[in-house]
């Protein structure tokens, strides 16, 4: 399916209790820099609206353990609708590639209303998305929210993020609103996620900061967990 791995990055995931994450975060602070977008508080919130088709292809690929799969989502940060991003994420085993383009509120509203159109003036990625809406019936499926503490390192373009309070919401109408959404957690209390992304190599000193004891990599999908444990709907 994805023969060309150009532009793909490694992505490792670990599910850990909060006590371990605090220790990891402290160690990372000595060898990596905080992402500038984290600001003074040291983290930012992410709200993503995921799409699926009439056959629930993307969620079923997760359930079936398909090794090569893709998903579409629209994302905002800190409940700020001034910057709206359309993303296409594709995965091959533990390798990922993300493509994105900016959209405005009017374009978002056209997507939700079913009025988005292909145009030569649109970004190529947006036209691809609209094509899949028309041919496959993509529609909003679920919202995923969480708070991210991000660390970056120039060597290997390493990015380590700690995602806390991962939760799902069915409040599609409230996606762009600057307010909290009715939601439910998708992980047990006191358990959160570490993600490690890098190009060709992960420096040893960073790997040693992240991994400890019996930590093991997980095949964790926020989208799958949000669909499995949605707010206000029967889970799949």
Protein backbone atom coordinates (compact mmCIF):
# COMPACT_ATOMS: atom_id res chain seq x y z
CA UNK A 1 0.00 0.00 0.00
CA UNK A 2 2.70 2.50 1.06
CA UNK A 3 5.73 1.33 -0.89
CA UNK A 4 7.59 4.65 -0.70
CA UNK A 5 8.68 5.40 2.87
CA UNK A 6 10.04 8.83 1.98
CA UNK A 7 8.93 11.32 4.62
CA UNK A 8 8.01 8.64 7.16
CA UNK A 9 9.14 8.91 10.78
CA UNK A 10 9.39 6.38 13.58
CA UNK A 11 6.73 6.60 16.27
CA UNK A 12 6.95 4.68 19.56
CA UNK A 13 4.19 4.74 22.18
CA UNK A 14 4.19 3.82 25.87
CA UNK A 15 1.27 3.73 28.33
CA UNK A 16 2.54 4.54 31.81
CA UNK A 17 1.27 5.50 35.28
CA UNK A 18 1.58 9.18 36.14
CA UNK A 19 4.38 8.60 38.67
CA UNK A 20 6.59 7.18 35.92
CA UNK A 21 5.66 10.02 33.56
CA UNK A 22 6.68 12.66 36.09
CA UNK A 23 10.09 10.96 36.39
CA UNK A 24 10.43 10.79 32.60
CA UNK A 25 9.42 14.43 32.25
CA UNK A 26 12.03 15.48 34.81
CA UNK A 27 14.78 13.55 33.02
CA UNK A 28 13.77 14.88 29.59
CA UNK A 29 13.95 18.43 30.92
CA UNK A 30 17.70 18.00 31.42
CA UNK A 31 18.48 16.93 27.83
CA UNK A 32 15.68 18.36 25.65
CA UNK A 33 13.99 21.70 25.16
CA UNK A 34 10.28 22.38 25.60
CA UNK A 35 8.49 23.11 22.35
CA UNK A 36 8.05 26.89 22.10
CA UNK A 37 4.31 26.44 21.49
CA UNK A 38 3.94 25.09 25.02
CA UNK A 39 4.34 28.61 26.39
CA UNK A 40 4.78 29.48 30.04
CA UNK A 41 2.47 26.75 31.30
CA UNK A 42 4.59 24.07 29.61
CA UNK A 43 1.79 22.32 27.73
CA UNK A 44 -1.05 22.96 25.30
CA UNK A 45 -4.39 21.32 24.59
CA UNK A 46 -5.20 19.51 21.35
CA UNK A 47 -8.71 18.96 20.02
CA UNK A 48 -9.07 16.70 16.96
CA UNK A 49 -12.16 15.83 14.95
CA UNK A 50 -11.72 12.44 13.28
CA UNK A 51 -13.54 11.29 10.15
CA UNK A 52 -14.60 7.85 8.97
CA UNK A 53 -16.70 6.51 6.11
CA UNK A 54 -20.10 4.80 6.04
CA UNK A 55 -18.41 1.42 6.51
CA UNK A 56 -16.28 2.60 9.47
CA UNK A 57 -13.22 1.54 7.49
CA UNK A 58 -10.66 3.32 9.67
CA UNK A 59 -11.94 2.00 12.99
CA UNK A 60 -12.30 -1.51 11.57
CA UNK A 61 -8.71 -1.40 10.32
CA UNK A 62 -7.65 -0.66 13.90
CA UNK A 63 -9.77 -3.51 15.24
CA UNK A 64 -8.42 -5.92 12.62
CA UNK A 65 -4.81 -4.87 13.27
CA UNK A 66 -4.19 -3.75 9.69
CA UNK A 67 -0.52 -2.82 9.46
CA UNK A 68 -0.90 -0.11 6.80
CA UNK A 69 -3.68 2.36 7.38
CA UNK A 70 -4.61 6.04 7.16
CA UNK A 71 -6.92 8.54 8.83
CA UNK A 72 -8.23 12.09 8.35
CA UNK A 73 -8.70 14.63 11.11
CA UNK A 74 -9.18 18.36 11.67
CA UNK A 75 -7.25 19.84 14.58
CA UNK A 76 -7.17 23.00 16.70
CA UNK A 77 -4.97 23.99 19.64
CA UNK A 78 -6.02 25.50 22.97
CA UNK A 79 -9.63 25.77 21.75
CA UNK A 80 -8.53 28.50 19.31
CA UNK A 81 -10.36 28.43 15.97
CA UNK A 82 -8.04 31.06 14.45
CA UNK A 83 -5.74 28.22 13.34
CA UNK A 84 -7.52 25.15 11.94
CA UNK A 85 -5.48 22.32 10.41
CA UNK A 86 -6.58 19.47 8.15
CA UNK A 87 -4.30 16.45 8.58
CA UNK A 88 -3.87 13.15 6.77
CA UNK A 89 -1.90 10.61 8.80
CA UNK A 90 -0.73 7.33 7.34
CA UNK A 91 0.93 4.49 9.20
CA UNK A 92 3.03 1.51 8.24
CA UNK A 93 3.87 -0.55 11.33
CA UNK A 94 5.66 1.93 13.65
CA UNK A 95 6.39 4.41 10.83
CA UNK A 96 4.14 7.42 10.25
CA UNK A 97 3.81 10.29 7.81
CA UNK A 98 1.63 13.35 8.29
CA UNK A 99 0.54 15.85 5.66
CA UNK A 100 -1.39 18.97 6.58
CA UNK A 101 -2.84 22.21 5.29
CA UNK A 102 -4.56 25.16 6.92
CA UNK A 103 -8.27 25.80 6.46
CA UNK A 104 -10.46 28.69 7.64
CA UNK A 105 -13.74 28.64 9.54
CA UNK A 106 -15.80 29.06 6.37
CA UNK A 107 -14.10 26.04 4.80
CA UNK A 108 -14.64 24.02 7.96
CA UNK A 109 -18.33 24.90 7.95
CA UNK A 110 -18.56 23.86 4.29
CA UNK A 111 -17.04 20.48 5.19
CA UNK A 112 -19.50 19.89 8.02
CA UNK A 113 -22.46 21.02 5.88
CA UNK A 114 -21.39 18.82 2.98
CA UNK A 115 -20.71 21.80 0.72
CA UNK A 116 -16.93 21.47 0.27
CA UNK A 117 -15.84 21.51 -3.36
CA UNK A 118 -12.74 20.53 -5.33
CA UNK A 119 -11.01 23.52 -6.90
CA UNK A 120 -7.73 24.20 -8.67
CA UNK A 121 -7.10 26.96 -6.13
CA UNK A 122 -7.31 24.55 -3.17
CA UNK A 123 -4.30 22.80 -1.65
CA UNK A 124 -3.84 19.36 -3.19
CA UNK A 125 -4.38 17.72 0.21
CA UNK A 126 -7.73 19.45 0.67
CA UNK A 127 -8.91 18.32 -2.76
CA UNK A 128 -7.90 14.76 -1.85
CA UNK A 129 -9.99 15.02 1.32
CA UNK A 130 -13.02 16.37 -0.53
CA UNK A 131 -12.67 13.58 -3.09
CA UNK A 132 -12.85 11.01 -0.29
CA UNK A 133 -15.88 12.79 1.19
CA UNK A 134 -17.63 12.50 -2.17
CA UNK A 135 -16.56 8.96 -3.08
CA UNK A 136 -16.40 7.25 0.31
CA UNK A 137 -18.85 9.24 2.38
CA UNK A 138 -16.40 10.50 4.99
CA UNK A 139 -18.20 12.13 7.90
CA UNK A 140 -17.30 13.31 11.43
CA UNK A 141 -16.94 10.33 13.77
CA UNK A 142 -15.61 11.50 17.15
CA UNK A 143 -13.62 14.24 18.90
CA UNK A 144 -10.42 13.45 20.81
CA UNK A 145 -8.95 15.93 23.31
CA UNK A 146 -5.86 15.84 25.50
CA UNK A 147 -3.17 18.01 27.10
CA UNK A 148 0.30 17.68 25.59
CA UNK A 149 3.68 18.39 27.19
CA UNK A 150 6.17 18.48 24.27
CA UNK A 151 9.97 18.16 24.17
CA UNK A 152 12.14 18.61 21.07
CA UNK A 153 15.73 17.88 20.07
CA UNK A 154 17.43 18.81 16.80
CA UNK A 155 19.45 15.59 16.50
CA UNK A 156 17.33 13.15 14.51
CA UNK A 157 14.45 15.64 14.73
CA UNK A 158 13.38 13.93 17.91
CA UNK A 159 10.07 14.87 19.50
CA UNK A 160 8.87 13.37 22.78
CA UNK A 161 5.38 14.20 23.98
CA UNK A 162 3.48 13.32 27.14
CA UNK A 163 -0.27 13.30 26.54
CA UNK A 164 -2.49 13.51 29.60
CA UNK A 165 -6.25 13.48 30.18
CA UNK A 166 -7.03 11.81 26.85
CA UNK A 167 -10.78 11.98 26.41
CA UNK A 168 -13.50 11.53 23.79
CA UNK A 169 -16.51 13.66 22.93
CA UNK A 170 -19.49 13.34 20.60
CA UNK A 171 -20.19 17.11 20.72
CA UNK A 172 -19.37 17.71 17.05
CA UNK A 173 -21.28 21.00 17.01
CA UNK A 174 -19.00 22.36 19.73
CA UNK A 175 -15.71 21.46 18.06
CA UNK A 176 -14.64 25.04 17.27
CA UNK A 177 -16.15 26.62 20.36
CA UNK A 178 -13.90 28.03 23.06
CA UNK A 179 -15.37 25.93 25.87
CA UNK A 180 -15.02 22.56 27.48
CA UNK A 181 -16.88 19.72 25.79
CA UNK A 182 -18.85 16.95 27.48
CA UNK A 183 -16.36 14.10 27.38
CA UNK A 184 -15.14 10.91 29.01
CA UNK A 185 -11.63 9.54 29.61
CA UNK A 186 -10.37 6.69 27.44
CA UNK A 187 -7.67 5.47 29.86
CA UNK A 188 -7.85 4.48 33.54
CA UNK A 189 -7.28 7.27 36.06
CA UNK A 190 -3.61 8.05 36.62
CA UNK A 191 -2.46 6.45 33.35
CA UNK A 192 -1.24 8.47 30.38
CA UNK A 193 0.73 8.27 27.13
CA UNK A 194 4.29 8.93 25.97
CA UNK A 195 4.98 9.26 22.23
CA UNK A 196 8.49 9.32 20.77
CA UNK A 197 8.94 10.44 17.15
CA UNK A 198 12.21 10.61 15.22
CA UNK A 199 13.61 10.35 11.70
CA UNK A 200 16.48 7.89 11.33
CA UNK A 201 17.89 7.52 14.84
CA UNK A 202 17.01 8.07 18.49
CA UNK A 203 19.99 9.37 20.49
CA UNK A 204 20.93 7.02 23.32
CA UNK A 205 20.75 9.66 26.02
CA UNK A 206 17.15 10.48 25.08
CA UNK A 207 16.19 6.80 24.85
CA UNK A 208 17.61 6.26 28.33
CA UNK A 209 15.55 9.17 29.67
CA UNK A 210 12.34 7.74 28.26
CA UNK A 211 12.70 4.00 28.81
CA UNK A 212 13.06 2.46 32.23
CA UNK A 213 12.36 -0.82 33.95
CA UNK A 214 9.77 -2.92 32.14
CA UNK A 215 8.38 -0.26 29.81
CA UNK A 216 7.19 -1.74 26.54
CA UNK A 217 5.96 -0.21 23.34
CA UNK A 218 2.22 -0.24 22.72
CA UNK A 219 0.04 -0.14 19.61
CA UNK A 220 -2.15 2.57 21.12
CA UNK A 221 -4.61 4.53 18.97
CA UNK A 222 -6.38 7.56 20.43
CA UNK A 223 -8.98 7.31 17.66
CA UNK A 224 -9.72 3.66 18.37
CA UNK A 225 -10.02 4.28 22.12
CA UNK A 226 -12.30 7.28 21.56
CA UNK A 227 -14.59 5.22 19.32
CA UNK A 228 -14.49 2.33 21.78
CA UNK A 229 -15.39 4.57 24.72
CA UNK A 230 -17.40 7.46 23.23
CA UNK A 231 -19.27 9.99 25.34
CA UNK A 232 -23.04 9.69 25.18
CA UNK A 233 -23.10 6.74 22.75
CA UNK A 234 -22.97 2.98 23.02
CA UNK A 235 -19.37 1.86 22.52
CA UNK A 236 -18.40 -0.25 19.53
